């Protein structure tokens, strides 16, 4: 397949047509070698959403038991840091045979039906449909942007979190990724807590405690893991961690931790495809001076 780069080297995939390409299970395994992809837990579903022209849109790990995403990951490079589409373009647009009068939220078609989440799970639930892979980071084409609206890329978030600190963190990542002078590549993993750990034994919170009602699993915390390869091929990492509650904070550096600490809290092994010696040094660091705020 044209987009089957095991590493995201920024080269344009062969093929000029922007066809949708999605893979799951064994067909997707080679993509687990990409730099941004965390280690995949046994018995999870590993999914790749991509297009033939622009390569990988994002990958994700789907928990079949909880029916929720464990994480989603993607990279920003010179190839995909382009804006050929706009979220406002969805008004009246036709995609995959359906005409939309706004955002094209829909079930993920590659997930087996028995494991999917549904639009009805969000309806009158008290929660917004919060993007994990930011729609604004995937504007390469209508197809790439449309894939970010699959419900496998969505988590239930209260409005004053989604439109508050989560948005502020998203905007920071977007500005960094789309500034070519600040990075050669940016590797990103995001998600909500789902796996119990020693430090976070209760990663999920009943919807009723948020004032909502849904059968969806609702994370207590949301996080982002960021790895920047600079133009001298040096690596730098940082993570964000925020409790899922109303929060309009703009000074997001107060919500930073190291990747090592994020791994302890989430039980997820981030950036396992870095060389071991580099990974050990980079993931222990939380050097705020290496980043612009």
Protein backbone atom coordinates (compact mmCIF):
# COMPACT_ATOMS: atom_id res chain seq x y z
CA UNK A 1 0.00 0.00 0.00
CA UNK A 2 1.25 3.47 -0.84
CA UNK A 3 1.06 4.77 2.71
CA UNK A 4 2.87 1.82 4.31
CA UNK A 5 5.89 3.75 5.55
CA UNK A 6 6.96 2.01 8.78
CA UNK A 7 8.62 5.27 9.75
CA UNK A 8 7.09 8.62 8.93
CA UNK A 9 9.98 10.05 6.95
CA UNK A 10 7.96 12.86 5.40
CA UNK A 11 8.20 11.50 1.88
CA UNK A 12 5.12 11.82 -0.31
CA UNK A 13 3.39 8.42 -0.72
CA UNK A 14 3.07 7.27 -4.30
CA UNK A 15 -0.28 7.84 -5.95
CA UNK A 16 -2.08 11.10 -6.68
CA UNK A 17 -5.64 10.04 -5.82
CA UNK A 18 -6.68 10.76 -2.26
CA UNK A 19 -8.39 7.42 -1.61
CA UNK A 20 -9.44 6.34 1.86
CA UNK A 21 -7.37 3.45 3.20
CA UNK A 22 -8.13 1.87 6.58
CA UNK A 23 -6.56 -1.25 8.08
CA UNK A 24 -7.17 -3.30 11.21
CA UNK A 25 -5.51 -6.21 12.99
CA UNK A 26 -2.82 -8.15 11.16
CA UNK A 27 -3.12 -5.97 8.08
CA UNK A 28 -2.07 -2.98 10.20
CA UNK A 29 0.75 -4.55 12.23
CA UNK A 30 3.63 -3.06 10.24
CA UNK A 31 2.48 0.41 11.29
CA UNK A 32 3.25 -0.35 14.91
CA UNK A 33 6.88 0.42 14.02
CA UNK A 34 6.09 4.09 13.43
CA UNK A 35 7.72 6.54 15.82
CA UNK A 36 4.53 7.98 17.28
CA UNK A 37 2.83 4.64 17.98
CA UNK A 38 2.81 3.46 21.63
CA UNK A 39 3.11 -0.22 22.49
CA UNK A 40 -0.15 -2.04 21.76
CA UNK A 41 -1.72 -4.07 24.56
CA UNK A 42 -2.53 -7.71 23.89
CA UNK A 43 -6.13 -8.36 22.82
CA UNK A 44 -6.64 -4.76 21.70
CA UNK A 45 -7.58 -3.79 18.16
CA UNK A 46 -4.93 -1.76 16.33
CA UNK A 47 -6.35 0.45 13.57
CA UNK A 48 -4.78 2.64 10.90
CA UNK A 49 -6.70 5.35 9.06
CA UNK A 50 -4.89 6.85 6.09
CA UNK A 51 -5.25 8.18 2.56
CA UNK A 52 -3.29 7.09 -0.48
CA UNK A 53 -2.05 10.62 -1.19
CA UNK A 54 -1.03 11.80 2.29
CA UNK A 55 -0.26 8.60 4.15
CA UNK A 56 -1.29 7.94 7.75
CA UNK A 57 -3.97 10.21 9.17
CA UNK A 58 -3.76 8.53 12.58
CA UNK A 59 -3.51 5.17 14.31
CA UNK A 60 -5.39 4.04 17.40
CA UNK A 61 -5.73 1.25 19.91
CA UNK A 62 -9.31 0.16 20.59
CA UNK A 63 -10.30 -1.64 23.77
CA UNK A 64 -12.94 -4.18 22.76
CA UNK A 65 -14.16 -4.76 26.33
CA UNK A 66 -14.56 -1.10 27.33
CA UNK A 67 -15.57 -0.07 23.79
CA UNK A 68 -13.31 2.93 23.97
CA UNK A 69 -10.10 4.18 22.50
CA UNK A 70 -6.99 3.62 24.63
CA UNK A 71 -4.99 6.15 22.62
CA UNK A 72 -4.67 7.72 19.19
CA UNK A 73 -1.37 8.74 17.59
CA UNK A 74 -0.19 10.75 14.60
CA UNK A 75 2.74 12.78 13.29
CA UNK A 76 3.07 16.25 11.84
CA UNK A 77 5.67 16.70 9.10
CA UNK A 78 6.19 18.98 6.12
CA UNK A 79 4.08 16.56 4.07
CA UNK A 80 0.91 16.90 6.12
CA UNK A 81 1.29 20.36 7.71
CA UNK A 82 -0.87 21.83 4.96
CA UNK A 83 -4.42 23.21 4.87
CA UNK A 84 -6.39 22.12 1.81
CA UNK A 85 -9.66 21.80 3.73
CA UNK A 86 -11.56 23.76 6.36
CA UNK A 87 -13.99 22.54 9.01
CA UNK A 88 -16.53 25.09 7.75
CA UNK A 89 -16.46 23.33 4.35
CA UNK A 90 -18.56 20.50 5.76
CA UNK A 91 -21.70 22.62 5.60
CA UNK A 92 -23.52 21.16 2.59
CA UNK A 93 -20.56 18.95 1.57
CA UNK A 94 -21.00 15.41 0.27
CA UNK A 95 -18.63 12.72 1.49
CA UNK A 96 -18.84 8.99 0.90
CA UNK A 97 -22.29 9.44 -0.60
CA UNK A 98 -23.71 11.40 2.35
CA UNK A 99 -24.42 15.15 2.41
CA UNK A 100 -23.63 16.87 5.71
CA UNK A 101 -25.02 20.06 7.17
CA UNK A 102 -22.14 20.30 9.63
CA UNK A 103 -19.46 18.12 11.19
CA UNK A 104 -19.54 14.57 9.74
CA UNK A 105 -19.47 12.58 12.99
CA UNK A 106 -20.10 8.90 12.26
CA UNK A 107 -19.35 5.35 13.37
CA UNK A 108 -15.93 3.99 12.44
CA UNK A 109 -16.67 1.72 9.47
CA UNK A 110 -13.65 -0.53 10.00
CA UNK A 111 -14.60 -1.48 13.55
CA UNK A 112 -16.72 -4.64 13.79
CA UNK A 113 -20.29 -3.57 14.54
CA UNK A 114 -20.40 -5.24 17.97
CA UNK A 115 -17.49 -3.09 19.23
CA UNK A 116 -18.52 0.31 17.85
CA UNK A 117 -19.79 3.36 19.66
CA UNK A 118 -22.76 5.20 18.18
CA UNK A 119 -24.00 8.75 17.70
CA UNK A 120 -26.93 7.87 19.96
CA UNK A 121 -24.46 7.31 22.83
CA UNK A 122 -23.75 11.05 22.80
CA UNK A 123 -27.25 12.32 22.11
CA UNK A 124 -28.70 14.10 25.19
CA UNK A 125 -25.81 12.65 27.22
CA UNK A 126 -24.51 15.92 28.64
CA UNK A 127 -21.14 15.35 26.96
CA UNK A 128 -19.56 16.86 23.86
CA UNK A 129 -17.89 14.72 21.22
CA UNK A 130 -14.26 15.54 21.98
CA UNK A 131 -11.69 14.94 19.25
CA UNK A 132 -8.54 13.14 20.34
CA UNK A 133 -6.67 13.65 17.05
CA UNK A 134 -7.43 17.32 16.47
CA UNK A 135 -9.45 17.99 13.32
CA UNK A 136 -7.37 21.14 12.76
CA UNK A 137 -4.18 19.04 12.55
CA UNK A 138 -5.60 17.00 9.66
CA UNK A 139 -6.56 19.47 6.94
CA UNK A 140 -4.61 17.81 4.11
CA UNK A 141 -7.82 16.82 2.34
CA UNK A 142 -11.52 16.23 2.85
CA UNK A 143 -10.83 12.52 3.30
CA UNK A 144 -8.14 12.99 5.94
CA UNK A 145 -10.23 15.52 7.84
CA UNK A 146 -13.31 13.31 7.59
CA UNK A 147 -11.47 10.42 9.22
CA UNK A 148 -10.99 12.51 12.37
CA UNK A 149 -14.78 12.47 12.83
CA UNK A 150 -14.97 8.70 13.20
CA UNK A 151 -16.31 7.99 16.68
CA UNK A 152 -13.25 5.83 17.38
CA UNK A 153 -11.36 9.16 17.52
CA UNK A 154 -13.89 10.73 19.88
CA UNK A 155 -14.14 10.67 23.68
CA UNK A 156 -16.97 12.06 25.83
CA UNK A 157 -15.85 15.40 27.30
CA UNK A 158 -17.74 18.02 29.27
CA UNK A 159 -18.03 21.23 27.29
CA UNK A 160 -16.03 23.44 29.65
CA UNK A 161 -13.10 21.04 29.40
CA UNK A 162 -13.31 20.43 25.65
CA UNK A 163 -13.60 24.14 24.85
CA UNK A 164 -11.22 25.13 27.66
CA UNK A 165 -7.89 23.64 28.59
CA UNK A 166 -8.13 20.77 26.07
CA UNK A 167 -8.58 23.29 23.25
CA UNK A 168 -5.70 25.38 24.57
CA UNK A 169 -3.43 22.33 24.57
CA UNK A 170 -4.59 21.39 21.07
CA UNK A 171 -3.85 24.88 19.79
CA UNK A 172 -0.35 24.79 21.29
CA UNK A 173 0.40 21.47 19.57
CA UNK A 174 -1.03 22.78 16.30
CA UNK A 175 1.09 25.96 16.34
CA UNK A 176 4.22 23.95 17.07
CA UNK A 177 3.52 21.31 14.44
CA UNK A 178 2.67 23.76 11.68
CA UNK A 179 5.79 25.89 12.29
CA UNK A 180 8.38 24.18 10.11
CA UNK A 181 11.24 26.14 11.68
CA UNK A 182 10.50 24.57 15.09
CA UNK A 183 10.54 20.90 14.13
CA UNK A 184 11.58 18.35 11.58
CA UNK A 185 8.77 16.14 12.84
CA UNK A 186 6.31 16.13 15.72
CA UNK A 187 5.06 12.81 17.09
CA UNK A 188 1.90 12.88 19.18
CA UNK A 189 -0.14 10.40 21.20
CA UNK A 190 -3.30 11.43 23.05
CA UNK A 191 -6.11 9.91 25.00
CA UNK A 192 -8.13 9.59 28.17
CA UNK A 193 -7.34 7.33 31.10
CA UNK A 194 -8.75 3.83 30.85
CA UNK A 195 -6.32 1.34 32.42
CA UNK A 196 -5.98 1.12 36.24
CA UNK A 197 -2.44 1.75 37.52
CA UNK A 198 -0.86 2.06 40.95
CA UNK A 199 -1.09 5.86 40.84
CA UNK A 200 -4.48 6.05 39.06
CA UNK A 201 -6.46 3.03 40.33
CA UNK A 202 -9.80 4.45 39.13
CA UNK A 203 -9.18 5.87 35.64
CA UNK A 204 -12.88 6.05 34.71
CA UNK A 205 -15.63 8.08 36.35
CA UNK A 206 -19.39 7.42 36.27
CA UNK A 207 -21.17 9.71 33.83
CA UNK A 208 -23.60 10.74 36.56
CA UNK A 209 -20.78 12.32 38.56
CA UNK A 210 -20.28 14.70 35.64
CA UNK A 211 -23.99 15.44 35.56
CA UNK A 212 -24.45 13.38 32.39
CA UNK A 213 -26.05 10.14 31.28
CA UNK A 214 -24.47 7.70 28.84
CA UNK A 215 -23.28 4.11 28.59
CA UNK A 216 -19.94 5.38 27.29
CA UNK A 217 -16.90 5.07 29.55
CA UNK A 218 -15.78 8.53 30.70
CA UNK A 219 -12.10 9.20 31.56
CA UNK A 220 -11.17 10.98 34.79
CA UNK A 221 -8.11 12.50 33.11
CA UNK A 222 -6.93 13.36 29.60
CA UNK A 223 -3.34 13.51 28.45
CA UNK A 224 -1.00 14.20 25.52
CA UNK A 225 2.49 12.81 24.85
CA UNK A 226 4.69 14.95 22.58
CA UNK A 227 8.00 14.03 20.95
CA UNK A 228 9.72 16.68 18.85
CA UNK A 229 12.54 15.92 16.43
CA UNK A 230 14.29 19.24 15.84
CA UNK A 231 16.05 20.29 12.67
CA UNK A 232 19.34 18.98 14.11
CA UNK A 233 17.74 15.55 14.57
CA UNK A 234 17.73 15.86 18.37
CA UNK A 235 14.70 14.62 20.30
CA UNK A 236 12.74 16.44 23.02
CA UNK A 237 9.66 15.24 24.87
CA UNK A 238 6.98 16.55 27.18
CA UNK A 239 3.53 15.44 28.29
CA UNK A 240 0.30 17.16 29.33
CA UNK A 241 -2.03 15.87 32.05
CA UNK A 242 -5.35 17.43 33.03
CA UNK A 243 -8.23 16.33 35.21
CA UNK A 244 -11.49 16.04 33.29
CA UNK A 245 -13.36 18.99 34.76
CA UNK A 246 -14.32 22.54 33.81
CA UNK A 247 -11.04 24.36 33.28
CA UNK A 248 -10.29 27.41 31.13
CA UNK A 249 -6.58 27.64 32.06
CA UNK A 250 -4.34 29.15 29.40
CA UNK A 251 -0.97 28.67 31.12
CA UNK A 252 -0.71 25.07 30.02
CA UNK A 253 2.90 24.61 31.07
CA UNK A 254 1.50 24.18 34.59
CA UNK A 255 -0.04 20.92 33.36
CA UNK A 256 3.18 19.36 32.06
CA UNK A 257 4.85 16.18 33.30
CA UNK A 258 7.58 13.92 31.91
CA UNK A 259 6.81 11.00 29.61
CA UNK A 260 8.09 8.66 32.32
CA UNK A 261 5.49 10.02 34.74
CA UNK A 262 2.78 9.77 32.09
CA UNK A 263 3.69 6.13 31.51
CA UNK A 264 3.38 5.44 35.24
CA UNK A 265 -0.06 7.06 35.37
CA UNK A 266 -1.49 5.49 32.20
CA UNK A 267 0.27 2.13 31.97
CA UNK A 268 1.16 2.91 28.34
CA UNK A 269 4.67 2.57 26.88
CA UNK A 270 5.19 5.69 24.73
CA UNK A 271 7.64 6.03 21.84
CA UNK A 272 8.99 2.46 22.13
CA UNK A 273 10.54 2.74 18.66
CA UNK A 274 13.14 5.26 19.82
CA UNK A 275 16.59 3.70 20.38
CA UNK A 276 16.64 2.50 24.00
CA UNK A 277 19.42 4.83 25.17
CA UNK A 278 17.73 7.85 23.57
CA UNK A 279 14.33 6.85 24.95
CA UNK A 280 15.64 6.62 28.51
CA UNK A 281 17.12 10.12 28.43
CA UNK A 282 14.36 11.86 26.51
CA UNK A 283 11.43 10.40 28.42
CA UNK A 284 12.87 11.33 31.81
CA UNK A 285 13.11 15.00 30.84
CA UNK A 286 10.67 17.80 31.55
CA UNK A 287 12.73 20.77 30.40
CA UNK A 288 10.32 23.68 29.88
CA UNK A 289 13.07 25.82 28.35
CA UNK A 290 13.14 23.51 25.32
CA UNK A 291 9.63 24.66 24.37
CA UNK A 292 7.96 27.94 23.50
CA UNK A 293 4.98 28.96 25.63
